């Protein structure tokens, strides 16, 4: 009964969203990939809103119902049928009678199962599609026959791109390059490793009193050079996000100088490699929004790069929805932990393989701690921390690793503002 009600709601809201888009015809920027979608959406929005009337997907509204809600400008009603009926009524009024609408619509689009993107692509006509990253083992691969099937599903978005539209893509991703070989629309690359239209280089972590506070890198585009700076977060994914966001902005008539200036004021979303003060003079790298093999690999590379730490501690939770790739990928990540950290805390049953991999690659078993109870892990991490420790905390959404962050952050009273999943609906899960 619940699924029937949901399907009816999705159908009606999607119909209303179609009507609204036909009436106002905004420029749609649609973002897909296996990592970095939300960060890319937020960075693009921070630039475009300076010049244009712009709307973005709230939080991670990237499903069929989430995209429809974003188009209509309506909130998530969660499990309240009365609020969903109100959304339907409000949506009908907006679809038929609204007079004003944003010039730009920035939509995050994702897939959980086969057919998800095909359904979205049946009614979305983006003018700009952004492709972030297609790793060898993507998140949600558990529900697809192969990793290639996940990529094919996401590429359905490119198939409905306007004939005069543009694809902005990660040029360092070989899988994306191959997928774009047959695409007729203009394709503009951004990256760090290979020469392309928007090229980042010389990225480095910024420090204040030996504490990491942000990042900076050089960006080159057709003879123009700019220094891009971000405070409050670290990591290579941030370099790709900002470079891609600038590429999108310049397609929308914004200068490189103005785009860089807007990003200097941008704050990365909670749970995405955010730097937080921890108890006892420690530093937390909060990457608890979600987890996948490539995202964890990047986070550990950042932890390895950080200087001046007394100890580096990796707190890693299960990476979910990997299916038959799960055991191998968790164990592979364990090998990377041994290169990046001196101490490992694991959260969940699957992450036992992370511990195994770390031990096999030389991490001393004295410094490996395994938990299934996230709150217990947080309490014991409290007691374990020392001044000067740098702690990376990461896990898939279902692990709720943000609860560990709350236990060890210096100002837990600010959790609602600084951490992910702090609204009332999540508090009861």
Protein backbone atom coordinates (compact mmCIF):
# COMPACT_ATOMS: atom_id res chain seq x y z
CA UNK A 1 0.00 0.00 0.00
CA UNK A 2 2.84 2.37 0.90
CA UNK A 3 4.57 1.77 -2.45
CA UNK A 4 1.33 2.31 -4.36
CA UNK A 5 0.81 5.65 -2.60
CA UNK A 6 4.42 6.63 -3.32
CA UNK A 7 4.13 5.77 -7.00
CA UNK A 8 0.95 7.83 -7.32
CA UNK A 9 2.60 10.81 -5.60
CA UNK A 10 5.69 10.56 -7.80
CA UNK A 11 3.55 10.37 -10.94
CA UNK A 12 1.48 13.45 -10.03
CA UNK A 13 4.45 15.56 -8.89
CA UNK A 14 6.40 14.63 -12.02
CA UNK A 15 3.45 15.66 -14.21
CA UNK A 16 3.25 19.00 -12.39
CA UNK A 17 7.02 19.47 -12.78
CA UNK A 18 6.76 18.84 -16.54
CA UNK A 19 4.04 21.47 -16.87
CA UNK A 20 6.06 23.98 -14.88
CA UNK A 21 9.23 23.45 -16.94
CA UNK A 22 7.28 23.82 -20.18
CA UNK A 23 5.79 27.11 -19.00
CA UNK A 24 9.01 28.74 -17.77
CA UNK A 25 11.76 26.95 -19.75
CA UNK A 26 14.69 27.53 -17.34
CA UNK A 27 18.26 26.56 -18.21
CA UNK A 28 18.71 23.15 -16.61
CA UNK A 29 22.15 22.09 -15.37
CA UNK A 30 22.04 18.38 -14.50
CA UNK A 31 24.85 16.68 -12.58
CA UNK A 32 25.56 12.97 -12.40
CA UNK A 33 28.41 10.61 -11.52
CA UNK A 34 29.29 8.22 -8.72
CA UNK A 35 30.95 10.76 -6.43
CA UNK A 36 30.95 14.51 -5.88
CA UNK A 37 27.49 15.37 -7.22
CA UNK A 38 26.25 17.32 -4.20
CA UNK A 39 29.52 19.21 -3.79
CA UNK A 40 29.50 20.14 -7.48
CA UNK A 41 25.88 21.29 -7.32
CA UNK A 42 26.56 23.50 -4.29
CA UNK A 43 29.70 25.03 -5.81
CA UNK A 44 27.95 25.85 -9.10
CA UNK A 45 25.06 27.40 -7.18
CA UNK A 46 27.41 29.59 -5.12
CA UNK A 47 28.76 31.07 -8.33
CA UNK A 48 25.59 31.44 -10.40
CA UNK A 49 23.47 32.95 -7.63
CA UNK A 50 25.70 36.03 -7.68
CA UNK A 51 24.42 36.95 -11.13
CA UNK A 52 21.25 34.99 -11.87
CA UNK A 53 18.05 33.83 -10.24
CA UNK A 54 19.03 30.25 -9.44
CA UNK A 55 17.60 27.20 -7.67
CA UNK A 56 19.43 24.02 -6.67
CA UNK A 57 18.42 20.61 -5.39
CA UNK A 58 18.14 20.74 -1.61
CA UNK A 59 20.55 18.43 0.22
CA UNK A 60 20.73 15.31 -1.97
CA UNK A 61 17.37 15.44 -3.74
CA UNK A 62 18.60 13.35 -6.68
CA UNK A 63 15.89 10.69 -7.08
CA UNK A 64 12.80 10.88 -9.27
CA UNK A 65 10.73 12.37 -6.47
CA UNK A 66 13.59 14.58 -5.26
CA UNK A 67 14.10 16.14 -8.68
CA UNK A 68 10.37 16.79 -9.06
CA UNK A 69 10.26 18.45 -5.63
CA UNK A 70 13.21 20.66 -6.60
CA UNK A 71 11.59 21.73 -9.86
CA UNK A 72 8.40 22.62 -7.98
CA UNK A 73 10.22 24.20 -5.03
CA UNK A 74 8.50 21.93 -2.50
CA UNK A 75 9.86 20.28 0.69
CA UNK A 76 10.29 16.60 1.43
CA UNK A 77 7.22 15.39 3.35
CA UNK A 78 9.04 12.26 4.53
CA UNK A 79 6.47 9.73 5.85
CA UNK A 80 3.58 12.12 6.39
CA UNK A 81 0.76 11.41 3.87
CA UNK A 82 -1.07 14.64 4.79
CA UNK A 83 1.99 16.72 3.87
CA UNK A 84 2.35 14.78 0.59
CA UNK A 85 -1.23 15.63 -0.31
CA UNK A 86 -0.48 19.26 0.51
CA UNK A 87 2.59 19.06 -1.78
CA UNK A 88 0.37 17.79 -4.59
CA UNK A 89 -2.08 20.66 -4.10
CA UNK A 90 0.65 23.28 -3.84
CA UNK A 91 2.45 21.78 -6.82
CA UNK A 92 -0.62 22.04 -9.01
CA UNK A 93 -1.03 25.74 -8.16
CA UNK A 94 2.66 26.41 -8.84
CA UNK A 95 2.61 24.47 -12.11
CA UNK A 96 -0.41 26.31 -13.49
CA UNK A 97 -0.27 29.79 -12.03
CA UNK A 98 3.27 30.74 -10.97
CA UNK A 99 4.52 33.93 -12.61
CA UNK A 100 8.18 33.96 -11.66
CA UNK A 101 10.69 31.16 -11.88
CA UNK A 102 14.51 30.86 -11.59
CA UNK A 103 16.58 31.37 -14.73
CA UNK A 104 18.84 28.45 -13.80
CA UNK A 105 17.90 25.12 -12.27
CA UNK A 106 20.79 23.05 -10.87
CA UNK A 107 19.72 19.44 -10.45
CA UNK A 108 21.61 16.59 -8.84
CA UNK A 109 20.57 13.32 -10.50
CA UNK A 110 21.46 9.89 -9.16
CA UNK A 111 20.61 6.23 -9.60
CA UNK A 112 20.05 3.47 -7.08
CA UNK A 113 18.62 0.80 -9.36
CA UNK A 114 18.24 0.07 -13.08
CA UNK A 115 15.77 2.39 -14.78
CA UNK A 116 16.17 5.32 -12.36
CA UNK A 117 17.99 7.65 -14.77
CA UNK A 118 15.95 6.52 -17.75
CA UNK A 119 12.79 7.66 -15.94
CA UNK A 120 14.32 11.05 -15.12
CA UNK A 121 15.69 11.46 -18.64
CA UNK A 122 12.22 10.86 -20.06
CA UNK A 123 11.15 14.34 -18.98
CA UNK A 124 14.31 16.36 -18.27
CA UNK A 125 16.02 18.28 -21.10
CA UNK A 126 19.22 19.76 -19.66
CA UNK A 127 21.31 22.30 -21.54
CA UNK A 128 24.39 21.48 -19.49
CA UNK A 129 25.27 18.02 -18.17
CA UNK A 130 28.12 17.63 -15.68
CA UNK A 131 29.85 14.25 -15.34
CA UNK A 132 31.91 14.02 -12.15
CA UNK A 133 33.49 10.57 -11.91
CA UNK A 134 32.78 6.99 -13.00
CA UNK A 135 35.09 4.77 -10.89
CA UNK A 136 35.75 1.10 -11.64
CA UNK A 137 33.58 0.06 -8.68
CA UNK A 138 30.77 2.61 -8.38
CA UNK A 139 28.40 2.99 -5.45
CA UNK A 140 25.06 1.13 -5.89
CA UNK A 141 26.76 -1.48 -8.12
CA UNK A 142 25.09 -4.11 -5.90
CA UNK A 143 21.82 -3.56 -7.76
CA UNK A 144 23.28 -3.73 -11.29
CA UNK A 145 24.65 -6.62 -13.34
CA UNK A 146 28.04 -4.93 -13.85
CA UNK A 147 29.82 -1.61 -13.18
CA UNK A 148 29.39 -0.87 -16.87
CA UNK A 149 25.63 -1.10 -16.42
CA UNK A 150 25.79 1.66 -13.79
CA UNK A 151 27.68 3.89 -16.21
CA UNK A 152 25.21 3.18 -19.02
CA UNK A 153 22.33 4.10 -16.73
CA UNK A 154 23.91 7.44 -15.81
CA UNK A 155 24.78 8.24 -19.42
CA UNK A 156 21.05 8.21 -20.25
CA UNK A 157 21.15 11.82 -19.04
CA UNK A 158 23.57 12.80 -21.82
CA UNK A 159 21.30 11.21 -24.41
CA UNK A 160 18.58 13.81 -23.70
CA UNK A 161 20.93 16.81 -23.71
CA UNK A 162 19.76 19.65 -25.96
CA UNK A 163 21.28 19.49 -29.43
CA UNK A 164 23.10 22.75 -28.71
CA UNK A 165 23.92 21.74 -25.14
CA UNK A 166 27.29 21.20 -23.47
CA UNK A 167 28.81 18.35 -21.50
CA UNK A 168 31.24 19.43 -18.75
CA UNK A 169 33.23 16.35 -17.78
CA UNK A 170 36.12 15.09 -15.68
CA UNK A 171 38.83 14.68 -18.32
CA UNK A 172 41.02 12.60 -16.01
CA UNK A 173 38.36 9.88 -15.96
CA UNK A 174 39.14 7.43 -18.77
CA UNK A 175 35.72 5.79 -18.53
CA UNK A 176 33.99 9.13 -19.13
CA UNK A 177 36.29 9.89 -22.06
CA UNK A 178 35.30 6.62 -23.73
CA UNK A 179 31.60 7.22 -23.09
CA UNK A 180 31.77 10.66 -24.72
CA UNK A 181 33.45 9.43 -27.89
CA UNK A 182 30.11 9.20 -29.73
CA UNK A 183 28.49 12.31 -28.23
CA UNK A 184 27.87 15.03 -30.83
CA UNK A 185 27.36 17.97 -28.48
CA UNK A 186 30.23 20.16 -27.32
CA UNK A 187 32.32 18.56 -24.56
CA UNK A 188 34.49 20.65 -22.24
CA UNK A 189 36.92 18.91 -19.93
CA UNK A 190 38.25 19.80 -16.52
CA UNK A 191 40.95 18.00 -14.60
CA UNK A 192 44.28 17.89 -12.84
CA UNK A 193 46.35 15.12 -14.43
CA UNK A 194 45.79 15.55 -18.18
CA UNK A 195 45.92 18.66 -20.33
CA UNK A 196 42.39 19.92 -20.97
CA UNK A 197 40.21 23.04 -21.22
CA UNK A 198 40.24 23.78 -17.47
CA UNK A 199 43.45 22.51 -15.86
CA UNK A 200 44.16 22.53 -12.12
CA UNK A 201 47.67 22.18 -10.75
CA UNK A 202 49.92 22.94 -7.79
CA UNK A 203 47.25 22.12 -5.23
CA UNK A 204 48.34 22.27 -1.62
CA UNK A 205 46.89 22.22 1.86
CA UNK A 206 46.94 25.52 3.75
CA UNK A 207 47.99 25.61 7.42
CA UNK A 208 47.70 28.04 10.31
CA UNK A 209 49.82 27.29 13.36
CA UNK A 210 50.48 23.82 11.89
CA UNK A 211 46.73 23.10 11.67
CA UNK A 212 45.12 22.45 8.24
CA UNK A 213 42.61 25.18 7.40
CA UNK A 214 41.90 24.84 3.67
CA UNK A 215 43.33 24.38 0.18
CA UNK A 216 44.62 26.38 -2.74
CA UNK A 217 45.46 25.52 -6.36
CA UNK A 218 46.25 27.12 -9.71
CA UNK A 219 43.67 27.04 -12.51
CA UNK A 220 44.50 27.62 -16.18
CA UNK A 221 42.04 28.19 -19.02
CA UNK A 222 43.01 29.37 -22.52
CA UNK A 223 45.81 31.62 -21.33
CA UNK A 224 44.03 32.85 -18.21
CA UNK A 225 45.47 31.85 -14.85
CA UNK A 226 43.81 32.16 -11.44
CA UNK A 227 44.61 31.08 -7.91
CA UNK A 228 41.64 29.32 -6.33
CA UNK A 229 41.30 29.13 -2.57
CA UNK A 230 38.91 27.23 -0.30
CA UNK A 231 38.78 27.45 3.47
CA UNK A 232 37.32 24.93 5.86
CA UNK A 233 37.79 21.74 3.85
CA UNK A 234 40.57 19.75 2.20
CA UNK A 235 41.07 17.02 -0.37
CA UNK A 236 41.64 16.35 -4.05
CA UNK A 237 37.89 15.99 -4.77
CA UNK A 238 37.49 19.64 -3.80
CA UNK A 239 40.00 20.61 -6.52
CA UNK A 240 37.97 18.73 -9.13
CA UNK A 241 34.70 20.17 -7.83
CA UNK A 242 35.84 23.77 -7.97
CA UNK A 243 37.47 23.36 -11.38
CA UNK A 244 34.32 21.80 -12.81
CA UNK A 245 32.10 24.43 -11.22
CA UNK A 246 34.17 27.21 -12.77
CA UNK A 247 33.91 25.49 -16.17
CA UNK A 248 30.12 25.45 -15.85
CA UNK A 249 29.97 29.07 -14.68
CA UNK A 250 31.98 30.31 -17.64
CA UNK A 251 29.52 28.57 -19.98
CA UNK A 252 26.85 30.68 -18.28
CA UNK A 253 28.59 33.98 -19.01
CA UNK A 254 30.51 34.44 -15.76
CA UNK A 255 34.15 35.46 -15.90
CA UNK A 256 36.95 33.40 -14.40
CA UNK A 257 37.73 36.20 -11.96
CA UNK A 258 34.14 36.43 -10.74
CA UNK A 259 33.79 32.65 -10.44
CA UNK A 260 36.95 32.38 -8.34
CA UNK A 261 35.80 35.25 -6.13
CA UNK A 262 32.43 33.56 -5.54
CA UNK A 263 34.08 30.27 -4.57
CA UNK A 264 36.27 32.09 -2.05
CA UNK A 265 33.04 32.74 -0.12
CA UNK A 266 31.69 29.22 -0.60
CA UNK A 267 31.55 26.76 2.31
CA UNK A 268 31.59 23.06 1.39
CA UNK A 269 28.59 21.17 2.73
CA UNK A 270 28.75 19.30 6.07
CA UNK A 271 30.25 15.85 6.00
CA UNK A 272 32.44 16.47 2.95
CA UNK A 273 36.05 16.66 4.12
CA UNK A 274 35.19 19.51 6.46
CA UNK A 275 37.81 20.54 9.02
CA UNK A 276 36.43 20.64 12.56
CA UNK A 277 38.05 21.27 15.92
CA UNK A 278 38.13 18.15 18.07
CA UNK A 279 38.44 17.62 21.81
CA UNK A 280 41.86 17.66 23.50
CA UNK A 281 43.38 19.80 20.76
CA UNK A 282 42.69 17.28 17.98
CA UNK A 283 41.57 17.99 14.43
CA UNK A 284 38.71 16.15 12.72
CA UNK A 285 38.36 15.67 8.98
CA UNK A 286 34.61 15.04 8.75
CA UNK A 287 33.78 13.06 5.59
CA UNK A 288 30.71 11.30 6.95
CA UNK A 289 28.17 12.20 4.27
CA UNK A 290 28.66 8.89 2.43
CA UNK A 291 31.34 6.44 1.37
CA UNK A 292 32.51 4.45 -1.63
CA UNK A 293 35.88 2.94 -2.59
CA UNK A 294 37.06 5.88 -4.70
CA UNK A 295 35.88 8.46 -2.16
CA UNK A 296 37.60 6.62 0.70
CA UNK A 297 40.75 6.28 -1.36
CA UNK A 298 40.80 10.04 -1.95
CA UNK A 299 40.13 10.79 1.72
CA UNK A 300 42.99 8.56 2.84
CA UNK A 301 45.31 10.20 0.29
CA UNK A 302 44.50 13.55 1.91
CA UNK A 303 45.12 12.16 5.39
CA UNK A 304 48.46 10.83 4.22
CA UNK A 305 49.39 14.26 2.84
CA UNK A 306 48.56 16.27 5.98
CA UNK A 307 51.63 17.55 7.83
CA UNK A 308 52.37 18.28 11.48
CA UNK A 309 50.04 15.61 12.91
CA UNK A 310 51.18 13.85 16.07
CA UNK A 311 49.14 10.80 15.07
CA UNK A 312 46.87 10.12 12.12
CA UNK A 313 43.74 8.14 12.95
CA UNK A 314 41.37 6.69 10.35
CA UNK A 315 37.82 5.94 11.53
CA UNK A 316 36.19 4.05 8.67
CA UNK A 317 32.68 2.62 8.45
CA UNK A 318 31.18 0.09 6.06
CA UNK A 319 30.94 0.98 2.38
CA UNK A 320 27.45 -0.19 1.46
CA UNK A 321 25.79 -1.41 -1.74
CA UNK A 322 28.94 -2.88 -3.31
CA UNK A 323 27.52 -6.39 -3.72
CA UNK A 324 30.10 -8.98 -4.74
CA UNK A 325 32.83 -6.34 -4.78
CA UNK A 326 32.39 -5.55 -1.08
CA UNK A 327 34.94 -7.83 0.58
CA UNK A 328 37.70 -7.11 -1.94
CA UNK A 329 37.22 -3.34 -1.89
CA UNK A 330 37.13 -3.15 1.91
CA UNK A 331 40.32 -5.18 2.10
CA UNK A 332 41.99 -3.01 -0.55
CA UNK A 333 41.10 0.10 1.42
CA UNK A 334 42.75 -1.50 4.47
CA UNK A 335 46.02 -1.61 2.57
CA UNK A 336 45.73 2.12 1.92
CA UNK A 337 45.05 2.76 5.62
CA UNK A 338 48.39 1.21 6.48
CA UNK A 339 50.10 3.85 4.29
CA UNK A 340 48.07 6.82 5.56
CA UNK A 341 47.45 6.34 9.30
CA UNK A 342 48.99 4.96 12.46
CA UNK A 343 45.66 4.03 14.06
CA UNK A 344 42.48 2.45 12.65
CA UNK A 345 38.97 2.35 14.11
CA UNK A 346 36.43 0.37 12.05
CA UNK A 347 32.64 0.69 12.21
CA UNK A 348 30.50 -2.24 11.11
CA UNK A 349 30.75 -5.86 10.01
CA UNK A 350 31.97 -5.21 6.46
CA UNK A 351 34.80 -3.01 7.72
CA UNK A 352 36.37 -5.98 9.46
CA UNK A 353 37.90 -6.58 6.04
CA UNK A 354 39.44 -3.09 6.23
CA UNK A 355 41.13 -4.16 9.45
CA UNK A 356 42.34 -7.38 7.82
CA UNK A 357 43.80 -5.47 4.90
CA UNK A 358 45.52 -2.98 7.19
CA UNK A 359 47.08 -5.75 9.30
CA UNK A 360 48.27 -7.60 6.20
CA UNK A 361 50.00 -4.42 5.03
CA UNK A 362 51.88 -3.86 8.26
CA UNK A 363 49.65 -1.85 10.60
CA UNK A 364 50.35 -2.94 14.17
CA UNK A 365 47.39 -4.83 15.64
CA UNK A 366 47.85 -2.81 18.85
CA UNK A 367 46.47 0.17 16.92
CA UNK A 368 43.49 -1.52 15.25
CA UNK A 369 40.10 -1.23 17.01
CA UNK A 370 36.89 -2.75 15.65
CA UNK A 371 33.30 -1.83 16.55
CA UNK A 372 29.77 -2.58 15.49
CA UNK A 373 28.26 0.01 17.85
CA UNK A 374 28.95 3.50 16.51
CA UNK A 375 28.23 5.22 19.83
CA UNK A 376 30.64 2.93 21.68
CA UNK A 377 33.29 3.67 19.08
CA UNK A 378 32.77 7.40 19.63
CA UNK A 379 33.06 7.09 23.40
CA UNK A 380 36.26 5.06 23.19
CA UNK A 381 37.74 7.42 20.60
CA UNK A 382 37.09 10.24 23.09
CA UNK A 383 39.31 8.54 25.63
CA UNK A 384 41.95 7.63 23.05
CA UNK A 385 42.56 11.07 21.54
CA UNK A 386 45.60 13.20 22.33
CA UNK A 387 46.60 16.77 21.43
CA UNK A 388 47.82 17.01 17.85
CA UNK A 389 45.88 14.00 16.54
CA UNK A 390 44.29 14.33 13.10
CA UNK A 391 41.24 12.09 12.72
CA UNK A 392 39.57 11.19 9.42
CA UNK A 393 35.99 9.92 9.97
CA UNK A 394 34.12 8.38 7.03
CA UNK A 395 31.37 5.85 6.36
CA UNK A 396 28.33 5.17 4.21
CA UNK A 397 25.13 6.95 5.07
CA UNK A 398 23.61 3.93 6.80
CA UNK A 399 26.56 3.69 9.21
CA UNK A 400 25.73 7.10 10.74
CA UNK A 401 29.42 7.90 11.32
CA UNK A 402 28.45 11.51 12.07
CA UNK A 403 27.55 10.23 15.54
CA UNK A 404 31.24 9.55 16.12
CA UNK A 405 32.07 13.09 15.04
CA UNK A 406 29.54 14.47 17.51
CA UNK A 407 31.24 12.54 20.33
CA UNK A 408 34.69 13.99 19.64
CA UNK A 409 34.03 17.48 18.23
CA UNK A 410 35.00 20.41 20.42
CA UNK A 411 31.60 22.08 20.15
CA UNK A 412 28.87 19.39 20.05
CA UNK A 413 26.27 22.07 20.69
CA UNK A 414 26.91 23.18 17.08
CA UNK A 415 26.25 19.72 15.65
CA UNK A 416 22.99 20.80 14.02
CA UNK A 417 24.86 23.41 11.98
CA UNK A 418 28.10 21.54 11.29
CA UNK A 419 27.18 17.88 10.79
CA UNK A 420 25.12 15.91 8.28
CA UNK A 421 21.74 14.30 8.97
CA UNK A 422 20.79 16.52 11.90
CA UNK A 423 17.12 17.16 11.07
CA UNK A 424 14.33 15.62 13.10
CA UNK A 425 13.60 12.79 10.67
CA UNK A 426 17.15 11.47 10.94
CA UNK A 427 17.25 11.82 14.72
CA UNK A 428 14.77 8.99 15.17
CA UNK A 429 16.60 6.55 12.88
